[in-house]
Amino acid sequence: MIRWMIVLLMPFFFAVASCGRAEYATGEQAYRGECAKCHKLVGNGGTKGPDLTDIFQKKDAFYIREYTKDPRSFKPDGTMPPSKLTDREIDLVLEYMKEQGRSRK
């Protein structure tokens, strides 16, 4: 009986173990943890991807959100991987990016 319970619960335990990343609490944390590796924002960050400082002058939030989730559906030959951020985290990052753009002006 106990053996069967272990066998039945095994997929659950593996699923929980694979979801080990804690959710980011702020847009700044999410940006620094995931985006800044490749993207620059107001002078800080990586250079592998485009500078995102003025992105909202070029694209709207819906486009940025969808592109972030699945960039290759927009640009099949692109190098950006799909985001590992949750919808909530993407919202936080978008708000953080908007704030950074406003504070620069």
PDB file of N, CA and C in Angstrom:
ATOM      1  N   MET A   1       0.823  -1.206   0.000  1.00  0.00           N
ATOM      2  CA  MET A   1       0.000   0.000   0.000  1.00  0.00           C
ATOM      3  C   MET A   1       0.866   1.270   0.000  1.00  0.00           C
ATOM      4  N   ILE A   2       1.822   1.322   0.903  1.00  0.00           N
ATOM      5  CA  ILE A   2       2.683   2.502   0.972  1.00  0.00           C
ATOM      6  C   ILE A   2       3.515   2.626  -0.302  1.00  0.00           C
ATOM      7  N   ARG A   3       3.949   1.510  -0.828  1.00  0.00           N
ATOM      8  CA  ARG A   3       4.735   1.527  -2.060  1.00  0.00           C
ATOM      9  C   ARG A   3       3.927   2.154  -3.198  1.00  0.00           C
ATOM     10  N   TRP A   4       2.655   1.798  -3.316  1.00  0.00           N
ATOM     11  CA  TRP A   4       1.805   2.359  -4.367  1.00  0.00           C
ATOM     12  C   TRP A   4       1.591   3.857  -4.178  1.00  0.00           C
ATOM     13  N   MET A   5       1.468   4.290  -2.942  1.00  0.00           N
ATOM     14  CA  MET A   5       1.300   5.724  -2.677  1.00  0.00           C
ATOM     15  C   MET A   5       2.552   6.485  -3.122  1.00  0.00           C
ATOM     16  N   ILE A   6       3.707   5.910  -2.845  1.00  0.00           N
ATOM     17  CA  ILE A   6       4.955   6.545  -3.256  1.00  0.00           C
ATOM     18  C   ILE A   6       5.033   6.624  -4.770  1.00  0.00           C
ATOM     19  N   VAL A   7       4.678   5.535  -5.434  1.00  0.00           N
ATOM     20  CA  VAL A   7       4.700   5.511  -6.895  1.00  0.00           C
ATOM     21  C   VAL A   7       3.734   6.537  -7.475  1.00  0.00           C
ATOM     22  N   LEU A   8       2.559   6.661  -6.895  1.00  0.00           N
ATOM     23  CA  LEU A   8       1.564   7.608  -7.397  1.00  0.00           C
ATOM     24  C   LEU A   8       1.961   9.058  -7.137  1.00  0.00           C
ATOM     25  N   LEU A   9       2.649   9.299  -6.036  1.00  0.00           N
ATOM     26  CA  LEU A   9       3.024  10.667  -5.693  1.00  0.00           C
ATOM     27  C   LEU A   9       4.361  11.100  -6.297  1.00  0.00           C
ATOM     28  N   MET A  10       5.109  10.178  -6.839  1.00  0.00           N
ATOM     29  CA  MET A  10       6.427  10.480  -7.396  1.00  0.00           C
ATOM     30  C   MET A  10       6.386  11.601  -8.442  1.00  0.00           C
ATOM     31  N   PRO A  11       5.479  11.576  -9.417  1.00  0.00           N
ATOM     32  CA  PRO A  11       5.447  12.682 -10.402  1.00  0.00           C
ATOM     33  C   PRO A  11       5.219  14.040  -9.749  1.00  0.00           C
ATOM     34  N   PHE A  12       4.401  14.073  -8.715  1.00  0.00           N
ATOM     35  CA  PHE A  12       4.148  15.331  -8.000  1.00  0.00           C
ATOM     36  C   PHE A  12       5.438  15.855  -7.388  1.00  0.00           C
ATOM     37  N   PHE A  13       6.189  14.990  -6.724  1.00  0.00           N
ATOM     38  CA  PHE A  13       7.433  15.407  -6.095  1.00  0.00           C
ATOM     39  C   PHE A  13       8.456  15.887  -7.119  1.00  0.00           C
ATOM     40  N   PHE A  14       8.540  15.216  -8.262  1.00  0.00           N
ATOM     41  CA  PHE A  14       9.451  15.661  -9.308  1.00  0.00           C
ATOM     42  C   PHE A  14       9.021  17.009  -9.873  1.00  0.00           C
ATOM     43  N   ALA A  15       7.734  17.220 -10.027  1.00  0.00           N
ATOM     44  CA  ALA A  15       7.230  18.494 -10.545  1.00  0.00           C
ATOM     45  C   ALA A  15       7.562  19.627  -9.586  1.00  0.00           C
ATOM     46  N   VAL A  16       7.341  19.410  -8.310  1.00  0.00           N
ATOM     47  CA  VAL A  16       7.639  20.435  -7.309  1.00  0.00           C
ATOM     48  C   VAL A  16       9.135  20.711  -7.268  1.00  0.00           C
ATOM     49  N   ALA A  17       9.942  19.693  -7.325  1.00  0.00           N
ATOM     50  CA  ALA A  17      11.393  19.864  -7.277  1.00  0.00           C
ATOM     51  C   ALA A  17      11.915  20.631  -8.481  1.00  0.00           C
ATOM     52  N   SER A  18      11.295  20.466  -9.637  1.00  0.00           N
ATOM     53  CA  SER A  18      11.762  21.160 -10.836  1.00  0.00           C
ATOM     54  C   SER A  18      11.339  22.619 -10.871  1.00  0.00           C
ATOM     55  N   CYS A  19      10.412  23.005 -10.038  1.00  0.00           N
ATOM     56  CA  CYS A  19       9.943  24.395  -9.973  1.00  0.00           C
ATOM     57  C   CYS A  19      10.630  25.123  -8.829  1.00  0.00           C
ATOM     58  N   GLY A  20      11.921  24.953  -8.696  1.00  0.00           N
ATOM     59  CA  GLY A  20      12.653  25.447  -7.543  1.00  0.00           C
ATOM     60  C   GLY A  20      12.879  26.947  -7.501  1.00  0.00           C
ATOM     61  N   ARG A  21      12.657  27.677  -8.580  1.00  0.00           N
ATOM     62  CA  ARG A  21      12.920  29.112  -8.586  1.00  0.00           C
ATOM     63  C   ARG A  21      11.848  29.865  -7.813  1.00  0.00           C
ATOM     64  N   ALA A  22      12.290  30.710  -6.906  1.00  0.00           N
ATOM     65  CA  ALA A  22      11.353  31.566  -6.182  1.00  0.00           C
ATOM     66  C   ALA A  22      10.894  32.690  -7.105  1.00  0.00           C
ATOM     67  N   GLU A  23       9.663  33.099  -6.950  1.00  0.00           N
ATOM     68  CA  GLU A  23       9.138  34.174  -7.785  1.00  0.00           C
ATOM     69  C   GLU A  23       9.744  35.507  -7.371  1.00  0.00           C
ATOM     70  N   TYR A  24      10.061  36.325  -8.357  1.00  0.00           N
ATOM     71  CA  TYR A  24      10.593  37.653  -8.079  1.00  0.00           C
ATOM     72  C   TYR A  24       9.494  38.522  -7.478  1.00  0.00           C
ATOM     73  N   ALA A  25       9.849  39.322  -6.483  1.00  0.00           N
ATOM     74  CA  ALA A  25       8.866  40.162  -5.796  1.00  0.00           C
ATOM     75  C   ALA A  25       8.707  41.537  -6.442  1.00  0.00           C
ATOM     76  N   THR A  26       9.735  41.997  -7.144  1.00  0.00           N
ATOM     77  CA  THR A  26       9.671  43.327  -7.762  1.00  0.00           C
ATOM     78  C   THR A  26      10.126  43.250  -9.216  1.00  0.00           C
ATOM     79  N   GLY A  27       9.755  44.255  -9.968  1.00  0.00           N
ATOM     80  CA  GLY A  27      10.186  44.341 -11.350  1.00  0.00           C
ATOM     81  C   GLY A  27      11.685  44.516 -11.471  1.00  0.00           C
ATOM     82  N   GLU A  28      12.261  45.263 -10.548  1.00  0.00           N
ATOM     83  CA  GLU A  28      13.708  45.452 -10.571  1.00  0.00           C
ATOM     84  C   GLU A  28      14.422  44.117 -10.354  1.00  0.00           C
ATOM     85  N   GLN A  29      13.958  43.336  -9.389  1.00  0.00           N
ATOM     86  CA  GLN A  29      14.573  42.026  -9.144  1.00  0.00           C
ATOM     87  C   GLN A  29      14.458  41.128 -10.373  1.00  0.00           C
ATOM     88  N   ALA A  30      13.287  41.104 -10.968  1.00  0.00           N
ATOM     89  CA  ALA A  30      13.080  40.259 -12.149  1.00  0.00           C
ATOM     90  C   ALA A  30      13.936  40.738 -13.310  1.00  0.00           C
ATOM     91  N   TYR A  31      13.976  42.048 -13.519  1.00  0.00           N
ATOM     92  CA  TYR A  31      14.795  42.589 -14.608  1.00  0.00           C
ATOM     93  C   TYR A  31      16.264  42.241 -14.405  1.00  0.00           C
ATOM     94  N   ARG A  32      16.763  42.506 -13.205  1.00  0.00           N
ATOM     95  CA  ARG A  32      18.184  42.230 -12.925  1.00  0.00           C
ATOM     96  C   ARG A  32      18.492  40.733 -12.990  1.00  0.00           C
ATOM     97  N   GLY A  33      17.550  39.922 -12.541  1.00  0.00           N
ATOM     98  CA  GLY A  33      17.771  38.486 -12.515  1.00  0.00           C
ATOM     99  C   GLY A  33      17.670  37.805 -13.862  1.00  0.00           C
ATOM    100  N   GLU A  34      16.857  38.344 -14.757  1.00  0.00           N
ATOM    101  CA  GLU A  34      16.616  37.671 -16.036  1.00  0.00           C
ATOM    102  C   GLU A  34      16.984  38.500 -17.259  1.00  0.00           C
ATOM    103  N   CYS A  35      16.678  39.762 -17.271  1.00  0.00           N
ATOM    104  CA  CYS A  35      16.813  40.577 -18.489  1.00  0.00           C
ATOM    105  C   CYS A  35      18.180  41.258 -18.622  1.00  0.00           C
ATOM    106  N   ALA A  36      18.713  41.721 -17.493  1.00  0.00           N
ATOM    107  CA  ALA A  36      19.950  42.507 -17.523  1.00  0.00           C
ATOM    108  C   ALA A  36      21.158  41.693 -17.960  1.00  0.00           C
ATOM    109  N   LYS A  37      21.017  40.379 -17.991  1.00  0.00           N
ATOM    110  CA  LYS A  37      22.124  39.543 -18.473  1.00  0.00           C
ATOM    111  C   LYS A  37      22.455  39.911 -19.923  1.00  0.00           C
ATOM    112  N   CYS A  38      21.442  40.259 -20.684  1.00  0.00           N
ATOM    113  CA  CYS A  38      21.618  40.533 -22.124  1.00  0.00           C
ATOM    114  C   CYS A  38      21.227  41.948 -22.529  1.00  0.00           C
ATOM    115  N   HIS A  39      20.325  42.578 -21.773  1.00  0.00           N
ATOM    116  CA  HIS A  39      19.773  43.876 -22.181  1.00  0.00           C
ATOM    117  C   HIS A  39      20.216  45.004 -21.262  1.00  0.00           C
ATOM    118  N   LYS A  40      20.461  46.137 -21.864  1.00  0.00           N
ATOM    119  CA  LYS A  40      20.800  47.348 -21.130  1.00  0.00           C
ATOM    120  C   LYS A  40      19.519  48.154 -20.901  1.00  0.00           C
ATOM    121  N   LEU A  41      19.441  48.795 -19.740  1.00  0.00           N
ATOM    122  CA  LEU A  41      18.325  49.690 -19.416  1.00  0.00           C
ATOM    123  C   LEU A  41      18.914  50.879 -18.689  1.00  0.00           C
ATOM    124  N   VAL A  42      18.765  52.050 -19.255  1.00  0.00           N
ATOM    125  CA  VAL A  42      19.287  53.298 -18.704  1.00  0.00           C
ATOM    126  C   VAL A  42      20.771  53.153 -18.340  1.00  0.00           C
ATOM    127  N   GLY A  43      21.527  52.597 -19.270  1.00  0.00           N
ATOM    128  CA  GLY A  43      22.974  52.522 -19.104  1.00  0.00           C
ATOM    129  C   GLY A  43      23.517  51.318 -18.355  1.00  0.00           C
ATOM    130  N   ASN A  44      22.658  50.477 -17.781  1.00  0.00           N
ATOM    131  CA  ASN A  44      23.135  49.324 -17.015  1.00  0.00           C
ATOM    132  C   ASN A  44      22.632  48.023 -17.620  1.00  0.00           C
ATOM    133  N   GLY A  45      23.513  47.034 -17.679  1.00  0.00           N
ATOM    134  CA  GLY A  45      23.115  45.728 -18.164  1.00  0.00           C
ATOM    135  C   GLY A  45      24.017  45.231 -19.275  1.00  0.00           C
ATOM    136  N   GLY A  46      23.587  44.136 -19.882  1.00  0.00           N
ATOM    137  CA  GLY A  46      24.375  43.483 -20.918  1.00  0.00           C
ATOM    138  C   GLY A  46      24.254  44.146 -22.277  1.00  0.00           C
ATOM    139  N   THR A  47      25.008  43.612 -23.210  1.00  0.00           N
ATOM    140  CA  THR A  47      25.020  44.178 -24.559  1.00  0.00           C
ATOM    141  C   THR A  47      24.683  43.151 -25.633  1.00  0.00           C
ATOM    142  N   LYS A  48      24.384  41.923 -25.230  1.00  0.00           N
ATOM    143  CA  LYS A  48      24.059  40.879 -26.217  1.00  0.00           C
ATOM    144  C   LYS A  48      22.742  41.190 -26.937  1.00  0.00           C
ATOM    145  N   GLY A  49      21.754  41.688 -26.188  1.00  0.00           N
ATOM    146  CA  GLY A  49      20.463  42.052 -26.761  1.00  0.00           C
ATOM    147  C   GLY A  49      20.345  43.553 -26.907  1.00  0.00           C
ATOM    148  N   PRO A  50      19.254  44.009 -27.506  1.00  0.00           N
ATOM    149  CA  PRO A  50      19.077  45.454 -27.698  1.00  0.00           C
ATOM    150  C   PRO A  50      18.876  46.210 -26.384  1.00  0.00           C
ATOM    151  N   ASP A  51      19.230  47.476 -26.404  1.00  0.00           N
ATOM    152  CA  ASP A  51      19.009  48.380 -25.279  1.00  0.00           C
ATOM    153  C   ASP A  51      17.502  48.602 -25.155  1.00  0.00           C
ATOM    154  N   LEU A  52      16.958  48.427 -23.972  1.00  0.00           N
ATOM    155  CA  LEU A  52      15.511  48.534 -23.760  1.00  0.00           C
ATOM    156  C   LEU A  52      15.085  49.878 -23.186  1.00  0.00           C
ATOM    157  N   THR A  53      16.001  50.816 -23.079  1.00  0.00           N
ATOM    158  CA  THR A  53      15.712  52.097 -22.442  1.00  0.00           C
ATOM    159  C   THR A  53      14.495  52.795 -23.043  1.00  0.00           C
ATOM    160  N   ASP A  54      14.410  52.879 -24.342  1.00  0.00           N
ATOM    161  CA  ASP A  54      13.313  53.600 -24.998  1.00  0.00           C
ATOM    162  C   ASP A  54      12.352  52.660 -25.720  1.00  0.00           C
ATOM    163  N   ILE A  55      12.252  51.429 -25.270  1.00  0.00           N
ATOM    164  CA  ILE A  55      11.437  50.424 -25.960  1.00  0.00           C
ATOM    165  C   ILE A  55       9.969  50.840 -26.069  1.00  0.00           C
ATOM    166  N   PHE A  56       9.446  51.551 -25.081  1.00  0.00           N
ATOM    167  CA  PHE A  56       8.026  51.926 -25.120  1.00  0.00           C
ATOM    168  C   PHE A  56       7.737  53.046 -26.117  1.00  0.00           C
ATOM    169  N   GLN A  57       8.769  53.652 -26.660  1.00  0.00           N
ATOM    170  CA  GLN A  57       8.586  54.613 -27.746  1.00  0.00           C
ATOM    171  C   GLN A  57       8.457  53.891 -29.080  1.00  0.00           C
ATOM    172  N   LYS A  58       8.865  52.607 -29.095  1.00  0.00           N
ATOM    173  CA  LYS A  58       8.832  51.831 -30.331  1.00  0.00           C
ATOM    174  C   LYS A  58       7.742  50.772 -30.342  1.00  0.00           C
ATOM    175  N   LYS A  59       7.475  50.170 -29.182  1.00  0.00           N
ATOM    176  CA  LYS A  59       6.518  49.054 -29.085  1.00  0.00           C
ATOM    177  C   LYS A  59       5.595  49.267 -27.899  1.00  0.00           C
ATOM    178  N   ASP A  60       4.391  48.690 -27.972  1.00  0.00           N
ATOM    179  CA  ASP A  60       3.474  48.797 -26.838  1.00  0.00           C
ATOM    180  C   ASP A  60       3.678  47.619 -25.876  1.00  0.00           C
ATOM    181  N   ALA A  61       3.071  47.719 -24.707  1.00  0.00           N
ATOM    182  CA  ALA A  61       3.255  46.715 -23.658  1.00  0.00           C
ATOM    183  C   ALA A  61       2.780  45.329 -24.099  1.00  0.00           C
ATOM    184  N   PHE A  62       1.694  45.265 -24.868  1.00  0.00           N
ATOM    185  CA  PHE A  62       1.188  43.969 -25.326  1.00  0.00           C
ATOM    186  C   PHE A  62       2.224  43.273 -26.206  1.00  0.00           C
ATOM    187  N   TYR A  63       2.804  44.008 -27.133  1.00  0.00           N
ATOM    188  CA  TYR A  63       3.822  43.436 -28.020  1.00  0.00           C
ATOM    189  C   TYR A  63       5.022  42.949 -27.207  1.00  0.00           C
ATOM    190  N   ILE A  64       5.500  43.787 -26.291  1.00  0.00           N
ATOM    191  CA  ILE A  64       6.670  43.428 -25.487  1.00  0.00           C
ATOM    192  C   ILE A  64       6.383  42.171 -24.661  1.00  0.00           C
ATOM    193  N   ARG A  65       5.194  42.096 -24.079  1.00  0.00           N
ATOM    194  CA  ARG A  65       4.799  40.928 -23.280  1.00  0.00           C
ATOM    195  C   ARG A  65       4.813  39.661 -24.130  1.00  0.00           C
ATOM    196  N   GLU A  66       4.161  39.705 -25.275  1.00  0.00           N
ATOM    197  CA  GLU A  66       4.061  38.517 -26.124  1.00  0.00           C
ATOM    198  C   GLU A  66       5.425  38.133 -26.699  1.00  0.00           C
ATOM    199  N   TYR A  67       6.205  39.126 -27.065  1.00  0.00           N
ATOM    200  CA  TYR A  67       7.540  38.852 -27.588  1.00  0.00           C
ATOM    201  C   TYR A  67       8.401  38.199 -26.503  1.00  0.00           C
ATOM    202  N   THR A  68       8.292  38.696 -25.289  1.00  0.00           N
ATOM    203  CA  THR A  68       9.067  38.157 -24.172  1.00  0.00           C
ATOM    204  C   THR A  68       8.708  36.697 -23.908  1.00  0.00           C
ATOM    205  N   LYS A  69       7.422  36.379 -23.991  1.00  0.00           N
ATOM    206  CA  LYS A  69       6.977  35.004 -23.746  1.00  0.00           C
ATOM    207  C   LYS A  69       7.483  34.039 -24.811  1.00  0.00           C
ATOM    208  N   ASP A  70       7.432  34.452 -26.073  1.00  0.00           N
ATOM    209  CA  ASP A  70       7.799  33.553 -27.170  1.00  0.00           C
ATOM    210  C   ASP A  70       8.444  34.344 -28.310  1.00  0.00           C
ATOM    211  N   PRO A  71       9.683  34.770 -28.115  1.00  0.00           N
ATOM    212  CA  PRO A  71      10.334  35.622 -29.119  1.00  0.00           C
ATOM    213  C   PRO A  71      10.471  34.981 -30.495  1.00  0.00           C
ATOM    214  N   ARG A  72      10.602  33.681 -30.529  1.00  0.00           N
ATOM    215  CA  ARG A  72      10.825  33.027 -31.829  1.00  0.00           C
ATOM    216  C   ARG A  72       9.552  32.958 -32.675  1.00  0.00           C
ATOM    217  N   SER A  73       8.406  33.200 -32.070  1.00  0.00           N
ATOM    218  CA  SER A  73       7.194  33.267 -32.880  1.00  0.00           C
ATOM    219  C   SER A  73       7.156  34.579 -33.666  1.00  0.00           C
ATOM    220  N   PHE A  74       7.920  35.566 -33.222  1.00  0.00           N
ATOM    221  CA  PHE A  74       8.029  36.840 -33.924  1.00  0.00           C
ATOM    222  C   PHE A  74       9.251  36.864 -34.831  1.00  0.00           C
ATOM    223  N   LYS A  75      10.320  36.247 -34.350  1.00  0.00           N
ATOM    224  CA  LYS A  75      11.613  36.295 -35.031  1.00  0.00           C
ATOM    225  C   LYS A  75      12.232  34.895 -34.971  1.00  0.00           C
ATOM    226  N   PRO A  76      11.849  34.007 -35.908  1.00  0.00           N
ATOM    227  CA  PRO A  76      12.297  32.611 -35.854  1.00  0.00           C
ATOM    228  C   PRO A  76      13.811  32.422 -35.806  1.00  0.00           C
ATOM    229  N   ASP A  77      14.560  33.333 -36.388  1.00  0.00           N
ATOM    230  CA  ASP A  77      16.011  33.194 -36.394  1.00  0.00           C
ATOM    231  C   ASP A  77      16.685  33.972 -35.261  1.00  0.00           C
ATOM    232  N   GLY A  78      15.887  34.514 -34.338  1.00  0.00           N
ATOM    233  CA  GLY A  78      16.428  35.289 -33.226  1.00  0.00           C
ATOM    234  C   GLY A  78      17.145  34.428 -32.203  1.00  0.00           C
ATOM    235  N   THR A  79      17.889  35.078 -31.329  1.00  0.00           N
ATOM    236  CA  THR A  79      18.653  34.357 -30.318  1.00  0.00           C
ATOM    237  C   THR A  79      18.043  34.442 -28.923  1.00  0.00           C
ATOM    238  N   MET A  80      17.053  35.296 -28.737  1.00  0.00           N
ATOM    239  CA  MET A  80      16.452  35.427 -27.410  1.00  0.00           C
ATOM    240  C   MET A  80      15.630  34.179 -27.087  1.00  0.00           C
ATOM    241  N   PRO A  81      15.889  33.580 -25.922  1.00  0.00           N
ATOM    242  CA  PRO A  81      15.099  32.409 -25.529  1.00  0.00           C
ATOM    243  C   PRO A  81      13.754  32.841 -24.956  1.00  0.00           C
ATOM    244  N   PRO A  82      12.781  31.947 -24.920  1.00  0.00           N
ATOM    245  CA  PRO A  82      11.507  32.267 -24.275  1.00  0.00           C
ATOM    246  C   PRO A  82      11.739  32.589 -22.796  1.00  0.00           C
ATOM    247  N   SER A  83      10.981  33.515 -22.290  1.00  0.00           N
ATOM    248  CA  SER A  83      11.117  33.933 -20.897  1.00  0.00           C
ATOM    249  C   SER A  83      10.675  32.838 -19.935  1.00  0.00           C
ATOM    250  N   LYS A  84      11.330  32.787 -18.797  1.00  0.00           N
ATOM    251  CA  LYS A  84      10.938  31.885 -17.718  1.00  0.00           C
ATOM    252  C   LYS A  84      10.114  32.631 -16.670  1.00  0.00           C
ATOM    253  N   LEU A  85       9.845  33.906 -16.919  1.00  0.00           N
ATOM    254  CA  LEU A  85       9.084  34.725 -15.982  1.00  0.00           C
ATOM    255  C   LEU A  85       7.601  34.387 -16.048  1.00  0.00           C
ATOM    256  N   THR A  86       6.937  34.509 -14.907  1.00  0.00           N
ATOM    257  CA  THR A  86       5.485  34.339 -14.866  1.00  0.00           C
ATOM    258  C   THR A  86       4.833  35.589 -15.448  1.00  0.00           C
ATOM    259  N   ASP A  87       3.536  35.512 -15.721  1.00  0.00           N
ATOM    260  CA  ASP A  87       2.812  36.694 -16.215  1.00  0.00           C
ATOM    261  C   ASP A  87       2.928  37.849 -15.235  1.00  0.00           C
ATOM    262  N   ARG A  88       2.810  37.548 -13.956  1.00  0.00           N
ATOM    263  CA  ARG A  88       2.913  38.592 -12.929  1.00  0.00           C
ATOM    264  C   ARG A  88       4.299  39.232 -12.964  1.00  0.00           C
ATOM    265  N   GLU A  89       5.336  38.412 -13.095  1.00  0.00           N
ATOM    266  CA  GLU A  89       6.696  38.940 -13.144  1.00  0.00           C
ATOM    267  C   GLU A  89       6.916  39.792 -14.388  1.00  0.00           C
ATOM    268  N   ILE A  90       6.355  39.375 -15.495  1.00  0.00           N
ATOM    269  CA  ILE A  90       6.470  40.188 -16.718  1.00  0.00           C
ATOM    270  C   ILE A  90       5.790  41.537 -16.505  1.00  0.00           C
ATOM    271  N   ASP A  91       4.621  41.544 -15.870  1.00  0.00           N
ATOM    272  CA  ASP A  91       3.945  42.813 -15.551  1.00  0.00           C
ATOM    273  C   ASP A  91       4.842  43.707 -14.698  1.00  0.00           C
ATOM    274  N   LEU A  92       5.483  43.113 -13.701  1.00  0.00           N
ATOM    275  CA  LEU A  92       6.373  43.883 -12.828  1.00  0.00           C
ATOM    276  C   LEU A  92       7.553  44.456 -13.612  1.00  0.00           C
ATOM    277  N   VAL A  93       8.126  43.661 -14.507  1.00  0.00           N
ATOM    278  CA  VAL A  93       9.256  44.126 -15.324  1.00  0.00           C
ATOM    279  C   VAL A  93       8.812  45.263 -16.235  1.00  0.00           C
ATOM    280  N   LEU A  94       7.661  45.125 -16.864  1.00  0.00           N
ATOM    281  CA  LEU A  94       7.181  46.185 -17.762  1.00  0.00           C
ATOM    282  C   LEU A  94       6.987  47.487 -16.995  1.00  0.00           C
ATOM    283  N   GLU A  95       6.403  47.408 -15.801  1.00  0.00           N
ATOM    284  CA  GLU A  95       6.201  48.612 -14.989  1.00  0.00           C
ATOM    285  C   GLU A  95       7.545  49.205 -14.572  1.00  0.00           C
ATOM    286  N   TYR A  96       8.471  48.361 -14.193  1.00  0.00           N
ATOM    287  CA  TYR A  96       9.818  48.828 -13.816  1.00  0.00           C
ATOM    288  C   TYR A  96      10.485  49.534 -14.992  1.00  0.00           C
ATOM    289  N   MET A  97      10.392  48.962 -16.175  1.00  0.00           N
ATOM    290  CA  MET A  97      11.000  49.573 -17.354  1.00  0.00           C
ATOM    291  C   MET A  97      10.367  50.929 -17.665  1.00  0.00           C
ATOM    292  N   LYS A  98       9.039  51.007 -17.496  1.00  0.00           N
ATOM    293  CA  LYS A  98       8.356  52.296 -17.721  1.00  0.00           C
ATOM    294  C   LYS A  98       8.838  53.333 -16.714  1.00  0.00           C
ATOM    295  N   GLU A  99       8.937  52.935 -15.440  1.00  0.00           N
ATOM    296  CA  GLU A  99       9.410  53.857 -14.393  1.00  0.00           C
ATOM    297  C   GLU A  99      10.818  54.358 -14.689  1.00  0.00           C
ATOM    298  N   GLN A 100      11.685  53.456 -15.121  1.00  0.00           N
ATOM    299  CA  GLN A 100      13.058  53.839 -15.429  1.00  0.00           C
ATOM    300  C   GLN A 100      13.101  54.842 -16.581  1.00  0.00           C
ATOM    301  N   GLY A 101      12.260  54.641 -17.569  1.00  0.00           N
ATOM    302  CA  GLY A 101      12.187  55.575 -18.697  1.00  0.00           C
ATOM    303  C   GLY A 101      11.672  56.938 -18.263  1.00  0.00           C
ATOM    304  N   ARG A 102      10.667  56.965 -17.362  1.00  0.00           N
ATOM    305  CA  ARG A 102      10.126  58.237 -16.884  1.00  0.00           C
ATOM    306  C   ARG A 102      11.122  58.975 -16.011  1.00  0.00           C
ATOM    307  N   SER A 103      11.855  58.256 -15.167  1.00  0.00           N
ATOM    308  CA  SER A 103      12.792  58.907 -14.244  1.00  0.00           C
ATOM    309  C   SER A 103      13.987  59.488 -14.982  1.00  0.00           C
ATOM    310  N   ARG A 104      14.224  59.027 -16.182  1.00  0.00           N
ATOM    311  CA  ARG A 104      15.341  59.513 -16.980  1.00  0.00           C
ATOM    312  C   ARG A 104      15.043  60.853 -17.618  1.00  0.00           C
ATOM    313  N   LYS A 105      13.776  61.156 -17.782  1.00  0.00           N
ATOM    314  CA  LYS A 105      13.393  62.389 -18.495  1.00  0.00           C
ATOM    315  C   LYS A 105      13.389  63.592 -17.593  1.00  0.00           C
TER     316      LYS A 105
END
